[in-house]
Amino acid sequence: MAEMTTTRARQRIETDADAADLVTRMREGERRATATVITELERLSTSAPILLRAMQPHLGNALVVGFTGPPGAGKSTLVNAVIAELRRADKTVGVIAVDPSSPVSGGAILGDRIRMTAALDDDGVFVRSLASRGYLGGLSPAAVRIIDALDAAGRDVILLETVGTGQNEIDVAEVADVRVVISAPGLGDDIQAMKSGLLEIADIMVVNKGDRPGAEQTMQQLLGALSIRAMRNQKIPVLKTTATSGEGVPELVSTVETAGRALEAAGPLARRRRRARYLIARAASDIVAERVRAGGARTLDTLADQVLAGDIGPEEAAKRLLGS
């Protein structure tokens, strides 16, 4: 039976019927089918558009929760604890864990997955590691396609853990329904840096490693920063957790679920449209970057000299570079 399943999962996906069959098996809980769909979407293979069409009737049901924050905050360990809590509530879970890519090979170590022990030998959890591919916002566009795959597979909650590189990691605001920003005692200047980036996108703030000295002080710092935040007037919950012991994790999951219920009035289409806008903006950015590279250093130097001489402004130089 296992050999037959393997053969079926590796079938060529050339028609709508092929894609529908694979999506059906994915929704029935076949892990190999889920992995196949995700791989095709991540690679943007020729089968990807067919699979995306087949998944459309099944999208918009999962709650997507993004976890982000500075390095050292314990994101992976906390996500592992959240997985365990969701499974105790009989929720099925999909996890997308994004790691930084090598600037040389483009690969990623994906080592944080070692700490996600709650996913081991549990068919109710599907974890996919994903390289950031050099995207500075903490995500790559492939993450959105994988969200769709896990959503279509019938996962109740999708947890999205970003790279963990600091305040630039704000793409999660466009992709996740609920954004959880994690800090920890002893990160020092990272709290100050977060004020200009991550704090602006938080729906929930978490001080992890709450059993360490300075946890209460860190909470007060975050409460103070949130009190003077210019954008959005609603009160942002600030919670304390200790992921290694599970302390505070049930409260975090409850707060996430409350935030998710508040989004139900907007409907699934609005949430999916936001992710589609993110994909369009990313694609436009990639096209611009490719045109800049295609222009070559000589063209850039010529335009730079014209800007320095005062003949044209930077905006006009950019228009000429892009041929507009």
Protein backbone atom coordinates (compact mmCIF):
# COMPACT_ATOMS: atom_id res chain seq x y z
CA MET A 1 0.00 0.00 0.00
CA ALA A 2 2.85 2.37 0.84
CA GLU A 3 4.44 1.76 -2.57
CA MET A 4 1.14 2.49 -4.28
CA THR A 5 0.73 5.73 -2.35
CA THR A 6 4.24 6.80 -3.29
CA THR A 7 3.61 6.09 -6.95
CA ARG A 8 0.34 8.00 -6.91
CA ALA A 9 1.84 11.01 -5.14
CA ARG A 10 4.56 11.23 -7.77
CA GLN A 11 2.16 11.20 -10.69
CA ARG A 12 2.47 13.89 -13.32
CA ILE A 13 0.11 16.82 -12.78
CA GLU A 14 -0.91 17.87 -16.25
CA THR A 15 -4.68 18.29 -16.15
CA ASP A 16 -7.34 19.72 -13.85
CA ALA A 17 -8.37 16.13 -13.06
CA ASP A 18 -4.82 15.27 -11.95
CA ALA A 19 -4.74 18.32 -9.67
CA ALA A 20 -8.22 17.63 -8.28
CA ASP A 21 -7.20 14.08 -7.41
CA LEU A 22 -4.08 15.26 -5.61
CA VAL A 23 -5.95 17.97 -3.70
CA THR A 24 -8.62 15.45 -2.69
CA ARG A 25 -5.98 13.12 -1.26
CA MET A 26 -4.35 16.05 0.48
CA ARG A 27 -7.67 16.93 2.11
CA GLU A 28 -8.10 13.32 3.18
CA GLY A 29 -4.93 13.67 5.23
CA GLU A 30 -2.36 12.04 2.96
CA ARG A 31 0.89 13.66 4.05
CA ARG A 32 2.79 12.69 0.91
CA ALA A 33 0.15 14.38 -1.25
CA THR A 34 0.41 17.53 0.88
CA ALA A 35 4.18 17.50 0.55
CA THR A 36 3.92 17.08 -3.22
CA VAL A 37 1.51 19.99 -3.61
CA ILE A 38 3.68 22.24 -1.45
CA THR A 39 6.82 21.33 -3.38
CA GLU A 40 5.17 22.13 -6.71
CA LEU A 41 3.91 25.48 -5.40
CA GLU A 42 7.20 26.39 -3.77
CA ARG A 43 9.09 25.72 -7.01
CA LEU A 44 6.40 27.44 -9.08
CA SER A 45 6.51 24.49 -11.43
CA THR A 46 4.34 24.19 -14.52
CA SER A 47 1.86 22.30 -12.34
CA ALA A 48 1.47 25.18 -9.87
CA PRO A 49 -1.27 27.13 -11.74
CA ILE A 50 -3.32 23.94 -12.16
CA LEU A 51 -3.00 23.12 -8.45
CA LEU A 52 -3.90 26.66 -7.42
CA ARG A 53 -7.10 26.43 -9.50
CA ALA A 54 -7.98 23.10 -7.92
CA MET A 55 -7.50 24.50 -4.40
CA GLN A 56 -9.68 27.60 -4.86
CA PRO A 57 -12.94 26.11 -3.50
CA HIS A 58 -11.18 25.06 -0.30
CA LEU A 59 -9.43 28.30 0.65
CA GLY A 60 -10.15 30.89 3.32
CA ASN A 61 -10.92 28.69 6.33
CA ALA A 62 -7.63 28.54 8.23
CA LEU A 63 -6.50 31.15 10.75
CA VAL A 64 -2.97 32.29 9.84
CA VAL A 65 -0.89 33.37 12.85
CA GLY A 66 2.49 35.01 12.31
CA PHE A 67 5.27 34.85 14.89
CA THR A 68 8.13 37.30 14.54
CA GLY A 69 10.67 39.14 16.66
CA PRO A 70 14.39 39.61 17.24
CA PRO A 71 16.88 36.73 17.32
CA GLY A 72 17.16 35.09 20.71
CA ALA A 73 13.51 35.61 21.69
CA GLY A 74 12.78 31.87 21.53
CA LYS A 75 10.33 31.92 18.63
CA SER A 76 10.74 28.28 17.61
CA THR A 77 10.42 27.01 21.16
CA LEU A 78 7.30 29.11 21.70
CA VAL A 79 5.78 27.93 18.41
CA ASN A 80 6.44 24.36 19.54
CA ALA A 81 4.56 25.04 22.78
CA VAL A 82 1.68 26.64 20.87
CA ILE A 83 1.47 23.58 18.60
CA ALA A 84 1.13 21.33 21.66
CA GLU A 85 -1.60 23.55 23.14
CA LEU A 86 -3.56 23.63 19.88
CA ARG A 87 -3.33 19.87 19.56
CA ARG A 88 -4.70 19.46 23.10
CA ALA A 89 -7.72 21.40 21.81
CA ASP A 90 -7.91 18.96 18.85
CA LYS A 91 -6.99 21.65 16.31
CA THR A 92 -5.10 20.56 13.21
CA VAL A 93 -1.99 22.66 12.60
CA GLY A 94 0.20 23.64 9.68
CA VAL A 95 3.57 25.26 10.36
CA ILE A 96 5.70 27.28 7.95
CA ALA A 97 9.11 27.97 9.45
CA VAL A 98 11.23 30.43 7.48
CA ASP A 99 15.00 30.45 7.89
CA PRO A 100 17.63 32.77 6.43
CA SER A 101 19.22 31.74 3.15
CA SER A 102 22.90 31.48 2.41
CA PRO A 103 23.99 34.42 0.23
CA VAL A 104 26.27 31.98 -1.62
CA SER A 105 24.21 28.84 -2.22
CA GLY A 106 20.70 30.12 -1.52
CA GLY A 107 20.15 27.20 0.86
CA ALA A 108 19.21 27.34 4.51
CA ILE A 109 20.25 25.40 7.60
CA LEU A 110 16.66 25.04 8.83
CA GLY A 111 18.02 24.10 12.25
CA ASP A 112 15.23 25.65 14.33
CA ARG A 113 12.96 22.78 13.32
CA ILE A 114 14.85 20.57 15.78
CA ARG A 115 13.04 22.38 18.60
CA MET A 116 9.58 21.64 17.19
CA THR A 117 9.23 18.31 18.97
CA ALA A 118 5.44 18.67 19.29
CA ALA A 119 5.17 17.92 15.56
CA LEU A 120 6.95 14.58 15.72
CA ASP A 121 4.81 11.55 14.81
CA ASP A 122 1.61 13.59 14.83
CA ASP A 123 -0.55 13.49 11.72
CA GLY A 124 -2.43 16.51 13.05
CA VAL A 125 0.65 18.68 12.47
CA PHE A 126 2.41 19.39 9.18
CA VAL A 127 5.67 21.36 9.31
CA ARG A 128 7.36 22.85 6.27
CA SER A 129 10.70 24.62 6.47
CA LEU A 130 11.27 27.36 3.94
CA ALA A 131 14.31 29.43 3.01
CA SER A 132 13.82 33.20 2.91
CA ARG A 133 15.66 33.36 -0.47
CA GLY A 134 17.18 36.70 0.46
CA TYR A 135 13.91 38.58 0.99
CA LEU A 136 14.55 41.21 3.65
CA GLY A 137 11.02 41.32 4.99
CA GLY A 138 11.35 37.97 6.74
CA LEU A 139 9.34 35.99 4.18
CA SER A 140 9.48 34.88 0.59
CA PRO A 141 6.44 34.86 -1.73
CA ALA A 142 6.53 31.05 -1.62
CA ALA A 143 5.23 31.28 1.96
CA VAL A 144 1.88 32.60 0.70
CA ARG A 145 1.49 29.72 -1.75
CA ILE A 146 2.28 27.23 1.02
CA ILE A 147 -0.32 28.92 3.24
CA ASP A 148 -2.86 28.23 0.50
CA ALA A 149 -1.79 24.58 0.32
CA LEU A 150 -2.12 24.05 4.08
CA ASP A 151 -5.43 25.94 4.08
CA ALA A 152 -6.77 23.77 1.28
CA ALA A 153 -5.53 20.69 3.15
CA GLY A 154 -8.00 21.57 5.91
CA ARG A 155 -5.61 22.74 8.63
CA ASP A 156 -7.48 24.74 11.28
CA VAL A 157 -4.54 26.97 12.20
CA ILE A 158 -1.41 27.84 10.22
CA LEU A 159 1.56 29.10 12.23
CA LEU A 160 4.07 31.19 10.33
CA GLU A 161 7.47 31.72 11.97
CA THR A 162 9.66 34.33 10.30
CA VAL A 163 13.43 34.51 9.97
CA GLY A 164 14.17 36.53 13.09
CA THR A 165 16.44 39.27 11.79
CA GLY A 166 14.95 42.31 13.49
CA GLN A 167 12.80 45.32 12.74
CA ASN A 168 12.69 44.90 8.93
CA GLU A 169 10.68 41.74 9.34
CA ILE A 170 7.31 43.30 8.59
CA ASP A 171 6.10 41.28 5.60
CA VAL A 172 4.26 39.10 8.12
CA ALA A 173 1.86 42.02 8.59
CA GLU A 174 0.60 41.54 5.04
CA VAL A 175 0.41 37.76 5.20
CA ALA A 176 -0.81 36.77 8.69
CA ASP A 177 -4.30 37.29 10.06
CA VAL A 178 -2.96 37.66 13.61
CA ARG A 179 0.57 38.97 14.24
CA VAL A 180 2.42 37.91 17.40
CA VAL A 181 5.63 39.85 18.13
CA ILE A 182 7.96 38.10 20.56
CA SER A 183 10.64 39.60 22.76
CA ALA A 184 12.59 38.34 25.76
CA PRO A 185 14.49 39.74 28.73
CA GLY A 186 18.07 40.75 28.12
CA LEU A 187 17.72 41.76 24.47
CA GLY A 188 18.51 45.35 25.42
CA ASP A 189 18.65 47.66 22.41
CA ASP A 190 16.46 45.30 20.40
CA ILE A 191 13.45 46.65 22.29
CA GLN A 192 14.32 50.14 21.15
CA ALA A 193 14.80 48.99 17.56
CA MET A 194 11.44 47.23 17.60
CA LYS A 195 9.68 50.53 18.27
CA SER A 196 10.25 51.69 14.71
CA GLY A 197 9.19 48.45 13.04
CA LEU A 198 7.73 45.39 14.66
CA LEU A 199 5.70 47.19 17.31
CA GLU A 200 3.69 48.86 14.57
CA ILE A 201 2.41 45.55 13.22
CA ALA A 202 1.74 43.67 16.49
CA ASP A 203 -1.70 42.38 17.38
CA ILE A 204 -0.25 40.61 20.41
CA MET A 205 3.05 41.22 22.22
CA VAL A 206 4.75 38.38 24.08
CA VAL A 207 7.64 38.50 26.51
CA ASN A 208 9.02 34.97 26.30
CA LYS A 209 11.50 33.42 28.75
CA GLY A 210 9.38 34.97 31.48
CA ASP A 211 11.22 33.05 34.21
CA ARG A 212 14.38 35.05 33.59
CA PRO A 213 15.41 38.16 35.54
CA GLY A 214 14.20 41.32 33.88
CA ALA A 215 11.00 39.86 32.42
CA GLU A 216 8.76 42.30 34.26
CA GLN A 217 10.98 45.21 33.26
CA THR A 218 10.78 44.14 29.62
CA MET A 219 6.99 44.00 29.86
CA GLN A 220 6.91 47.52 31.25
CA GLN A 221 9.18 48.75 28.45
CA LEU A 222 6.86 47.26 25.86
CA LEU A 223 3.75 48.66 27.55
CA GLY A 224 5.39 52.07 27.57
CA ALA A 225 6.34 51.83 23.90
CA LEU A 226 2.85 50.70 22.93
CA SER A 227 1.22 53.51 24.89
CA ILE A 228 2.84 56.14 22.66
CA ARG A 229 2.49 54.22 19.39
CA ALA A 230 1.21 56.57 16.71
CA MET A 231 -0.73 54.05 14.65
CA ARG A 232 -3.93 52.25 15.71
CA ASN A 233 -5.66 53.09 18.95
CA GLN A 234 -6.74 49.67 20.12
CA LYS A 235 -5.11 48.16 23.15
CA ILE A 236 -2.48 45.55 22.33
CA PRO A 237 -2.26 42.65 24.80
CA VAL A 238 1.18 42.12 26.35
CA LEU A 239 1.59 38.57 27.67
CA LYS A 240 4.37 36.74 29.46
CA THR A 241 5.28 33.17 28.57
CA THR A 242 7.90 30.58 29.41
CA ALA A 243 7.83 28.31 26.40
CA THR A 244 10.04 25.62 27.94
CA SER A 245 7.56 25.00 30.77
CA GLY A 246 4.38 26.00 28.98
CA GLU A 247 3.61 28.79 31.41
CA GLY A 248 1.40 31.44 29.80
CA VAL A 249 0.96 29.46 26.57
CA PRO A 250 -2.76 28.65 27.12
CA GLU A 251 -3.41 32.37 27.65
CA LEU A 252 -1.52 33.17 24.46
CA VAL A 253 -3.53 30.65 22.42
CA SER A 254 -6.77 31.98 23.90
CA THR A 255 -5.79 35.55 23.01
CA VAL A 256 -4.90 34.50 19.45
CA GLU A 257 -8.28 32.78 19.06
CA THR A 258 -10.07 35.88 20.35
CA ALA A 259 -8.21 38.04 17.82
CA GLY A 260 -9.08 35.54 15.09
CA ARG A 261 -12.79 35.64 15.92
CA ALA A 262 -12.70 39.44 15.64
CA LEU A 263 -11.62 39.02 12.01
CA GLU A 264 -14.50 36.77 11.02
CA ALA A 265 -16.75 39.72 10.18
CA ALA A 266 -14.36 40.81 7.44
CA GLY A 267 -14.70 37.42 5.78
CA PRO A 268 -12.06 35.18 4.19
CA LEU A 269 -11.95 37.10 0.91
CA ALA A 270 -10.57 40.25 2.55
CA ARG A 271 -7.79 38.26 4.24
CA ARG A 272 -6.88 36.45 1.04
CA ARG A 273 -6.98 39.69 -0.95
CA ARG A 274 -4.36 41.18 1.41
CA ARG A 275 -2.05 38.25 0.71
CA ALA A 276 -2.65 38.62 -3.02
CA ARG A 277 -1.67 42.30 -2.80
CA TYR A 278 1.54 41.25 -1.08
CA LEU A 279 2.34 38.82 -3.91
CA ILE A 280 1.70 41.49 -6.56
CA ALA A 281 3.90 44.01 -4.74
CA ARG A 282 6.68 41.44 -4.38
CA ALA A 283 6.47 40.51 -8.05
CA ALA A 284 6.65 44.18 -9.03
CA SER A 285 9.69 44.64 -6.79
CA ASP A 286 11.39 41.65 -8.40
CA ILE A 287 10.71 43.04 -11.88
CA VAL A 288 12.21 46.40 -10.93
CA ALA A 289 15.28 44.72 -9.42
CA GLU A 290 15.76 42.65 -12.56
CA ARG A 291 15.56 45.76 -14.76
CA VAL A 292 18.12 47.50 -12.58
CA ARG A 293 20.47 44.52 -12.89
CA ALA A 294 19.86 44.36 -16.65
CA GLY A 295 20.80 48.03 -16.97
CA GLY A 296 24.34 47.25 -15.92
CA ALA A 297 26.92 49.15 -13.90
CA ARG A 298 27.87 51.40 -16.84
CA THR A 299 24.31 52.73 -17.21
CA LEU A 300 24.04 53.29 -13.47
CA ASP A 301 27.37 55.14 -13.42
CA THR A 302 26.28 57.37 -16.29
CA LEU A 303 23.04 58.24 -14.54
CA ALA A 304 24.87 58.73 -11.24
CA ASP A 305 27.23 61.22 -12.89
CA GLN A 306 24.26 63.13 -14.31
CA VAL A 307 22.67 63.28 -10.86
CA LEU A 308 25.92 64.49 -9.29
CA ALA A 309 26.27 67.15 -11.98
CA GLY A 310 22.76 68.38 -11.28
CA ASP A 311 21.58 67.61 -14.81
CA ILE A 312 18.77 65.36 -13.60
CA GLY A 313 17.27 64.38 -10.27
CA PRO A 314 17.26 60.88 -8.74
CA GLU A 315 13.60 60.38 -9.69
CA GLU A 316 14.26 61.15 -13.36
CA ALA A 317 17.32 58.88 -13.27
CA ALA A 318 15.18 56.06 -11.91
CA LYS A 319 12.59 56.59 -14.64
CA ARG A 320 15.27 56.46 -17.33
CA LEU A 321 16.76 53.32 -15.81
CA LEU A 322 13.38 51.61 -15.85
CA GLY A 323 12.58 52.89 -19.31
CA SER A 324 9.50 54.80 -18.23
